[in-house]
Amino acid sequence: MNTKEYISSGIIESYVLGLASPEEAGILECVMKNNAEVRAAFEEAQKTLEDLATAEAVTPPTDLKSKIWNTIQQEQAAGEKQTVFAVDIPAAKPQEEIRIQGNSNWKTYAVAASVLFLISIVGNIFWMNEQARTKKVIAGMQAEKKSQDFAMQKINQKMEMVTNPDMKMVMLKGVEKHADSKAMVFWDTKTKAVYLDAEKLPKAPEGMQYQLWAIADGKPVDAGMYTEEKDSKIALANIPKAQAFAITLEKQGGSPVPTMENMYVMGEI
């Protein structure tokens, strides 16, 4: 294996991260003494790790940061003791000293890298939480804008009806039992289409539906079933003639004749 192949084998990165076996570490340390190119590759890998750790650093909460750095200081103190012990052994071979010192130093680097990685994870969690809050706010703003756009659309539709010279507006007022109820019928005298604005009526109970009636020659004529989707924009029926309009609350789907005790509003033309 030549120098370039040895450098590209990944052994240097494993050594830097403290993952190399004792045999691999010993061989690398020996090679670095005699090969400047390998030594340069080792220093570059070391600097890359330090730069990466610095780039990934994220400021954590104060209490977490102090606990983490206390751990680093303890590890560094233990490493310094181990280094002094290695120097105090007179019979130790130079290669063994390098290995002991190198392992001690890289243990510290590995701990620092792990701590910085942990800090990065904490920072990412904070960032993701912030992103989630931001998305929630944006979703709320979008929903509000959609609601405002829909309301504006309905206002524009009603304005078109009000300004249409062919449109006759008939105010329906609440009967005695439902005095607060109101509704407005828009009757196109040209097309005979009937539109209903019933937003001032109470919400229909489950299984019930409002039904519009035209009173023509004293007789009630079915003028269509009301739904919120049809309000003011979809014609309920075509009524050729009428002297009044009324609304009753009927079972879902409607009734062939009005239930008079369930009448809510009525208005003459």
Protein backbone atom coordinates (compact mmCIF):
# COMPACT_ATOMS: atom_id res chain seq x y z
CA MET A 1 0.00 0.00 0.00
CA ASN A 2 1.51 3.34 -1.02
CA THR A 3 1.22 6.63 0.88
CA LYS A 4 -1.87 7.93 -0.94
CA GLU A 5 -3.72 4.65 -0.48
CA TYR A 6 -2.80 4.62 3.21
CA ILE A 7 -4.07 8.20 3.66
CA SER A 8 -7.34 7.44 1.82
CA SER A 9 -7.93 4.21 3.79
CA GLY A 10 -9.69 6.11 6.60
CA ILE A 11 -7.25 5.11 9.34
CA ILE A 12 -6.32 8.75 10.00
CA GLU A 13 -9.97 9.77 10.52
CA SER A 14 -10.51 6.75 12.81
CA TYR A 15 -7.46 7.74 14.86
CA VAL A 16 -8.61 11.36 15.10
CA LEU A 17 -12.02 10.24 16.38
CA GLY A 18 -10.48 7.76 18.82
CA LEU A 19 -11.91 4.76 16.98
CA ALA A 20 -8.65 3.15 15.78
CA SER A 21 -7.52 -0.10 17.41
CA PRO A 22 -4.25 -0.06 19.43
CA GLU A 23 -2.45 -1.81 16.56
CA GLU A 24 -3.73 0.66 13.97
CA ALA A 25 -2.87 3.60 16.22
CA GLY A 26 0.67 2.26 16.80
CA ILE A 27 1.30 1.79 13.09
CA LEU A 28 0.00 5.28 12.27
CA GLU A 29 2.13 6.91 14.95
CA CYS A 30 5.17 5.13 13.62
CA VAL A 31 4.39 6.10 10.03
CA MET A 32 3.83 9.75 10.99
CA LYS A 33 7.35 9.92 12.43
CA ASN A 34 8.89 8.90 9.13
CA ASN A 35 6.43 10.23 6.54
CA ALA A 36 5.79 13.97 6.28
CA GLU A 37 2.86 13.51 3.89
CA VAL A 38 1.01 11.25 6.34
CA ARG A 39 1.80 13.65 9.18
CA ALA A 40 0.36 16.54 7.14
CA ALA A 41 -2.79 14.53 6.39
CA PHE A 42 -3.15 13.81 10.11
CA GLU A 43 -2.85 17.51 11.01
CA GLU A 44 -5.38 18.42 8.32
CA ALA A 45 -7.85 15.83 9.66
CA GLN A 46 -7.32 17.18 13.16
CA LYS A 47 -8.00 20.76 12.03
CA THR A 48 -11.08 19.63 10.08
CA LEU A 49 -12.52 18.03 13.21
CA GLU A 50 -11.88 21.16 15.24
CA ASP A 51 -13.42 23.39 12.56
CA LEU A 52 -16.45 21.10 12.31
CA ALA A 53 -16.93 21.12 16.06
CA THR A 54 -16.74 24.93 16.08
CA ALA A 55 -19.15 25.28 13.16
CA GLU A 56 -21.70 22.97 14.74
CA ALA A 57 -21.61 24.65 18.13
CA VAL A 58 -24.98 26.01 19.28
CA THR A 59 -25.49 28.12 22.41
CA PRO A 60 -27.43 25.98 24.90
CA PRO A 61 -29.30 27.04 28.06
CA THR A 62 -26.91 28.44 30.69
CA ASP A 63 -27.32 25.61 33.20
CA LEU A 64 -26.80 22.89 30.59
CA LYS A 65 -23.71 24.60 29.22
CA SER A 66 -22.04 24.86 32.65
CA LYS A 67 -22.69 21.19 33.43
CA ILE A 68 -21.24 20.10 30.09
CA TRP A 69 -18.09 22.17 30.38
CA ASN A 70 -17.55 20.95 33.95
CA THR A 71 -17.45 17.46 32.49
CA ILE A 72 -14.86 18.56 29.90
CA GLN A 73 -12.68 20.13 32.57
CA GLN A 74 -12.78 16.95 34.64
CA GLU A 75 -11.78 14.91 31.60
CA GLN A 76 -8.97 17.33 30.80
CA ALA A 77 -7.69 17.16 34.41
CA ALA A 78 -7.71 13.37 34.23
CA GLY A 79 -5.85 13.54 30.90
CA GLU A 80 -3.20 15.85 32.38
CA LYS A 81 -2.62 13.43 35.25
CA GLN A 82 -2.27 10.56 32.82
CA THR A 83 0.22 12.54 30.72
CA VAL A 84 2.36 13.37 33.77
CA PHE A 85 2.33 9.72 34.74
CA ALA A 86 3.62 8.76 31.32
CA VAL A 87 6.45 11.28 31.51
CA ASP A 88 7.48 10.12 34.98
CA ILE A 89 8.19 6.56 33.75
CA PRO A 90 11.87 6.64 32.81
CA ALA A 91 11.80 3.23 31.12
CA ALA A 92 8.99 4.12 28.74
CA LYS A 93 9.93 4.03 25.09
CA PRO A 94 9.37 7.18 22.98
CA GLN A 95 6.76 5.41 20.88
CA GLU A 96 4.80 4.40 23.97
CA GLU A 97 4.94 7.97 25.31
CA ILE A 98 3.52 9.27 22.04
CA ARG A 99 0.80 6.68 22.13
CA ILE A 100 -0.17 7.41 25.74
CA GLN A 101 -0.12 11.17 25.21
CA GLY A 102 -1.87 10.88 21.87
CA ASN A 103 -4.62 8.69 23.26
CA SER A 104 -5.04 11.05 26.21
CA ASN A 105 -5.21 14.10 23.96
CA TRP A 106 -7.58 12.48 21.51
CA LYS A 107 -9.75 11.22 24.30
CA THR A 108 -10.20 14.85 25.27
CA TYR A 109 -10.93 15.79 21.63
CA ALA A 110 -13.43 12.94 21.39
CA VAL A 111 -15.18 14.09 24.58
CA ALA A 112 -15.23 17.68 23.30
CA ALA A 113 -16.60 16.56 19.93
CA SER A 114 -19.28 14.48 21.67
CA VAL A 115 -20.23 17.40 23.90
CA LEU A 116 -20.42 19.79 20.97
CA PHE A 117 -22.52 17.25 19.10
CA LEU A 118 -24.86 17.08 22.12
CA ILE A 119 -25.06 20.86 22.20
CA SER A 120 -25.84 20.84 18.49
CA ILE A 121 -28.68 18.37 19.08
CA VAL A 122 -30.09 20.58 21.86
CA GLY A 123 -29.83 23.60 19.58
CA ASN A 124 -31.57 21.72 16.78
CA ILE A 125 -34.40 20.76 19.13
CA PHE A 126 -34.85 24.42 20.09
CA TRP A 127 -34.73 25.36 16.41
CA MET A 128 -37.32 22.72 15.46
CA ASN A 129 -39.62 23.86 18.27
CA GLU A 130 -39.29 27.43 17.07
CA GLN A 131 -39.99 26.29 13.50
CA ALA A 132 -43.11 24.44 14.70
CA ARG A 133 -44.34 27.57 16.49
CA THR A 134 -43.64 29.66 13.41
CA LYS A 135 -45.52 27.22 11.17
CA LYS A 136 -48.46 27.28 13.57
CA VAL A 137 -48.57 31.08 13.49
CA ILE A 138 -48.33 31.10 9.69
CA ALA A 139 -51.11 28.49 9.43
CA GLY A 140 -53.29 30.63 11.69
CA MET A 141 -52.61 33.72 9.59
CA GLN A 142 -53.39 31.82 6.38
CA ALA A 143 -56.66 30.50 7.85
CA GLU A 144 -57.61 34.01 8.99
CA LYS A 145 -56.81 35.45 5.56
CA LYS A 146 -58.85 32.71 3.88
CA SER A 147 -61.79 33.51 6.16
CA GLN A 148 -61.44 37.24 5.42
CA ASP A 149 -61.26 36.57 1.67
CA PHE A 150 -64.42 34.45 1.87
CA ALA A 151 -66.24 37.14 3.84
CA MET A 152 -65.15 39.79 1.33
CA GLN A 153 -66.33 37.58 -1.52
CA LYS A 154 -69.78 37.31 0.05
CA ILE A 155 -69.92 41.08 0.59
CA ASN A 156 -69.04 41.67 -3.06
CA GLN A 157 -71.73 39.22 -4.18
CA LYS A 158 -74.35 40.97 -2.07
CA MET A 159 -73.22 44.37 -3.36
CA GLU A 160 -73.70 43.15 -6.93
CA MET A 161 -77.22 42.05 -6.05
CA VAL A 162 -78.04 45.31 -4.29
CA THR A 163 -76.80 47.40 -7.22
CA ASN A 164 -78.57 45.24 -9.83
CA PRO A 165 -81.60 47.28 -11.03
CA ASP A 166 -83.51 44.08 -11.85
CA MET A 167 -83.12 42.72 -8.31
CA LYS A 168 -86.00 43.18 -5.86
CA MET A 169 -85.05 42.92 -2.17
CA VAL A 170 -87.63 41.61 0.26
CA MET A 171 -86.93 41.91 4.01
CA LEU A 172 -88.25 38.97 6.03
CA LYS A 173 -88.83 39.80 9.71
CA GLY A 174 -89.13 37.38 12.60
CA VAL A 175 -92.56 36.19 13.67
CA GLU A 176 -93.69 36.43 17.31
CA LYS A 177 -91.86 33.27 18.51
CA HIS A 178 -88.64 34.26 16.70
CA ALA A 179 -88.68 38.05 16.88
CA ASP A 180 -84.88 38.38 16.60
CA SER A 181 -84.65 36.37 13.37
CA LYS A 182 -84.15 38.11 10.03
CA ALA A 183 -83.54 37.17 6.41
CA MET A 184 -83.38 38.84 3.01
CA VAL A 185 -84.75 37.51 -0.28
CA PHE A 186 -83.23 38.74 -3.55
CA TRP A 187 -85.73 38.16 -6.38
CA ASP A 188 -84.50 38.77 -9.91
CA THR A 189 -87.56 40.17 -11.66
CA LYS A 190 -85.97 39.53 -15.04
CA THR A 191 -84.79 35.90 -14.67
CA LYS A 192 -87.23 35.10 -11.79
CA ALA A 193 -84.34 33.50 -9.84
CA VAL A 194 -84.64 33.69 -6.05
CA TYR A 195 -81.59 34.06 -3.77
CA LEU A 196 -81.64 33.99 0.03
CA ASP A 197 -79.44 35.64 2.65
CA ALA A 198 -80.29 33.79 5.88
CA GLU A 199 -77.23 34.47 7.99
CA LYS A 200 -79.37 36.13 10.66
CA LEU A 201 -81.30 32.91 11.27
CA PRO A 202 -80.26 30.55 14.08
CA LYS A 203 -78.19 27.56 12.99
CA ALA A 204 -80.54 24.74 11.99
CA PRO A 205 -80.52 21.78 14.42
CA GLU A 206 -79.12 18.41 13.34
CA GLY A 207 -81.47 16.74 10.84
CA MET A 208 -83.38 19.98 10.15
CA GLN A 209 -83.20 22.49 7.29
CA TYR A 210 -84.69 25.88 6.44
CA GLN A 211 -87.15 25.96 3.54
CA LEU A 212 -88.14 29.09 1.60
CA TRP A 213 -91.75 29.59 0.51
CA ALA A 214 -93.25 32.03 -1.96
CA ILE A 215 -96.82 33.09 -1.27
CA ALA A 216 -98.60 33.37 -4.65
CA ASP A 217 -102.34 34.01 -4.81
CA GLY A 218 -102.62 33.09 -1.16
CA LYS A 219 -100.97 29.67 -1.60
CA PRO A 220 -97.47 28.61 -0.43
CA VAL A 221 -95.11 27.54 -3.22
CA ASP A 222 -91.86 25.69 -2.52
CA ALA A 223 -88.99 28.11 -3.27
CA GLY A 224 -86.09 25.81 -2.37
CA MET A 225 -84.02 24.47 0.50
CA TYR A 226 -81.44 26.72 2.13
CA THR A 227 -77.83 25.74 2.85
CA GLU A 228 -74.90 27.89 3.93
CA GLU A 229 -73.12 27.06 0.68
CA LYS A 230 -75.98 28.58 -1.32
CA ASP A 231 -76.30 31.72 0.80
CA SER A 232 -76.69 34.76 -1.49
CA LYS A 233 -74.83 33.16 -4.42
CA ILE A 234 -76.85 30.18 -5.69
CA ALA A 235 -80.48 30.51 -6.75
CA LEU A 236 -82.84 28.34 -4.68
CA ALA A 237 -85.61 28.34 -7.27
CA ASN A 238 -87.36 30.27 -10.05
CA ILE A 239 -90.53 31.99 -8.89
CA PRO A 240 -92.66 33.62 -11.64
CA LYS A 241 -94.84 35.58 -9.23
CA ALA A 242 -95.24 36.12 -5.50
CA GLN A 243 -96.87 38.49 -3.05
CA ALA A 244 -94.73 37.45 -0.04
CA PHE A 245 -91.99 35.10 1.11
CA ALA A 246 -91.62 33.06 4.31
CA ILE A 247 -89.18 30.58 5.84
CA THR A 248 -89.99 27.51 7.93
CA LEU A 249 -87.78 24.94 9.67
CA GLU A 250 -88.41 21.49 8.20
CA LYS A 251 -86.91 18.02 8.32
CA GLN A 252 -83.79 17.54 6.19
CA GLY A 253 -84.81 17.53 2.53
CA GLY A 254 -87.91 19.66 2.94
CA SER A 255 -91.67 19.29 3.09
CA PRO A 256 -94.43 19.52 0.45
CA VAL A 257 -96.35 21.93 2.69
CA PRO A 258 -95.02 24.43 5.27
CA THR A 259 -95.12 23.58 8.98
CA MET A 260 -96.77 26.74 10.20
CA GLU A 261 -95.74 26.33 13.87
CA ASN A 262 -92.12 26.24 12.67
CA MET A 263 -92.28 29.51 10.72
CA TYR A 264 -89.38 31.83 11.56
CA VAL A 265 -89.67 34.86 9.26
CA MET A 266 -92.06 36.38 6.73
CA GLY A 267 -92.14 39.48 4.52
CA GLU A 268 -94.50 41.00 1.97
CA ILE A 269 -93.34 42.37 -1.37
